[in-house]
Amino acid sequence: MEKMIKNRVQLMGNLGKDPDVREFEGGKKMARFSMATNERFAYGDGQFKEDTQWHGIVAWGRLAEQVSQQLQKGARISLEGRLVHRSYETKEGQKRYITEVVMNSFQVVENMAEVAEAA
């Protein structure tokens, strides 16, 4: 039997801004925010460098409501979700491509003990 390959992403980082929450017809909610993850690594000469990556995160429905109530800029969270690729056309007719994480769950991480537990 073949193994099923899943689209699964796990991130731990800090919100770059307060979530932007929108409500659509029928009451369905969407929350969107950016999240920074940091990685520190050493070069061969012993010098350390820190690399920050920014990720676009989207939450839908009840999870969007939880995000709007519990998260704000600077919050440290651990999340799980899946990668989604999409494209759109600007008003000027240029095609743009976006990769974002559609969040399935999250946990606020408040101290170093929780960081070690979540890893």
Protein backbone atom coordinates (compact mmCIF):
# COMPACT_ATOMS: atom_id res chain seq x y z
CA MET A 1 0.00 0.00 0.00
CA GLU A 2 1.30 3.48 -0.88
CA LYS A 3 1.97 5.97 1.87
CA MET A 4 -0.17 9.09 1.71
CA ILE A 5 1.84 12.31 1.53
CA LYS A 6 0.19 15.16 3.38
CA ASN A 7 0.48 18.90 2.98
CA ARG A 8 1.38 19.81 6.56
CA VAL A 9 3.21 22.84 7.97
CA GLN A 10 4.26 23.54 11.56
CA LEU A 11 5.56 26.98 12.53
CA MET A 12 6.50 28.79 15.71
CA GLY A 13 7.00 32.52 15.66
CA ASN A 14 5.63 35.99 16.38
CA LEU A 15 2.78 37.93 14.79
CA GLY A 16 4.01 40.88 12.77
CA LYS A 17 0.73 42.80 13.10
CA ASP A 18 -2.75 42.48 14.57
CA PRO A 19 -4.95 40.03 12.66
CA ASP A 20 -7.19 41.54 9.97
CA VAL A 21 -10.63 39.94 10.40
CA ARG A 22 -13.31 40.07 7.71
CA GLU A 23 -16.86 38.78 7.68
CA PHE A 24 -18.46 37.53 4.47
CA GLU A 25 -22.07 36.99 3.45
CA GLY A 26 -23.63 34.29 5.56
CA GLY A 27 -21.48 35.22 8.56
CA LYS A 28 -18.35 33.25 7.62
CA LYS A 29 -15.20 34.90 9.03
CA MET A 30 -11.62 35.01 7.80
CA ALA A 31 -8.58 36.24 9.74
CA ARG A 32 -5.30 37.11 8.01
CA PHE A 33 -1.96 38.00 9.61
CA SER A 34 1.78 37.78 9.04
CA MET A 35 4.10 35.73 11.21
CA ALA A 36 7.89 35.87 11.53
CA THR A 37 10.04 32.81 12.20
CA ASN A 38 13.71 33.15 13.14
CA GLU A 39 16.60 30.78 12.62
CA ARG A 40 20.12 31.25 13.96
CA PHE A 41 23.02 29.45 12.33
CA ALA A 42 26.81 29.58 12.32
CA TYR A 43 29.04 30.18 9.34
CA GLY A 44 32.24 28.18 8.97
CA ASP A 45 34.26 31.02 10.55
CA GLY A 46 32.23 30.87 13.79
CA GLN A 47 30.16 33.97 13.02
CA PHE A 48 26.44 33.64 13.74
CA LYS A 49 23.69 34.94 11.50
CA GLU A 50 20.00 35.23 12.20
CA ASP A 51 17.55 34.71 9.36
CA THR A 52 13.94 35.92 9.61
CA GLN A 53 11.28 34.55 7.27
CA TRP A 54 7.80 36.08 6.96
CA HIS A 55 4.75 33.88 6.38
CA GLY A 56 1.21 34.86 5.41
CA ILE A 57 -1.34 33.04 7.59
CA VAL A 58 -5.09 32.65 7.01
CA ALA A 59 -7.71 31.23 9.41
CA TRP A 60 -11.37 30.55 8.60
CA GLY A 61 -14.62 30.18 10.56
CA ARG A 62 -14.49 29.51 14.29
CA LEU A 63 -10.68 29.53 14.21
CA ALA A 64 -10.77 33.06 12.73
CA GLU A 65 -12.98 34.13 15.64
CA GLN A 66 -10.48 32.65 18.14
CA VAL A 67 -7.61 34.43 16.37
CA SER A 68 -9.44 37.77 16.57
CA GLN A 69 -10.07 37.32 20.31
CA GLN A 70 -6.73 35.86 21.43
CA LEU A 71 -3.96 37.18 19.17
CA GLN A 72 -2.33 40.54 18.65
CA LYS A 73 0.91 41.93 17.23
CA GLY A 74 3.96 40.39 18.92
CA ALA A 75 2.14 37.28 20.23
CA ARG A 76 4.28 34.13 20.13
CA ILE A 77 2.36 31.15 18.76
CA SER A 78 2.82 27.62 17.53
CA LEU A 79 0.57 26.68 14.62
CA GLU A 80 -0.22 23.86 12.26
CA GLY A 81 -1.73 24.20 8.81
CA ARG A 82 -1.26 23.53 5.11
CA LEU A 83 0.42 25.41 2.27
CA VAL A 84 -1.83 26.93 -0.37
CA HIS A 85 -0.65 28.53 -3.62
CA ARG A 86 -2.88 30.97 -5.49
CA SER A 87 -2.64 33.74 -8.02
CA TYR A 88 -4.53 36.92 -8.83
CA GLU A 89 -4.35 39.77 -11.31
CA THR A 90 -3.64 43.36 -10.23
CA LYS A 91 -5.61 46.34 -11.50
CA GLU A 92 -2.69 46.97 -13.88
CA GLY A 93 -3.08 43.47 -15.36
CA GLN A 94 0.01 41.92 -13.73
CA LYS A 95 -0.28 38.35 -12.47
CA ARG A 96 0.81 37.87 -8.84
CA TYR A 97 1.48 34.60 -7.03
CA ILE A 98 1.01 34.01 -3.31
CA THR A 99 1.92 31.14 -1.02
CA GLU A 100 0.25 31.20 2.37
CA VAL A 101 -0.49 28.89 5.28
CA VAL A 102 -4.13 28.02 5.94
CA MET A 103 -4.13 27.42 9.69
CA ASN A 104 -5.81 24.35 11.22
CA SER A 105 -4.87 24.98 14.87
CA PHE A 106 -2.73 27.23 17.05
CA GLN A 107 -1.47 27.59 20.58
CA VAL A 108 -0.22 30.72 22.31
CA VAL A 109 3.30 30.11 23.65
CA GLU A 110 4.01 32.27 26.66
CA ASN A 111 7.27 31.03 28.15
CA MET A 112 10.39 28.98 27.34
CA ALA A 113 9.00 25.83 29.00
CA GLU A 114 6.05 25.92 26.59
CA VAL A 115 8.42 26.49 23.65
CA ALA A 116 10.34 23.32 24.56
CA GLU A 117 7.06 21.40 24.98
CA ALA A 118 5.69 22.51 21.61
CA ALA A 119 8.88 21.62 19.70
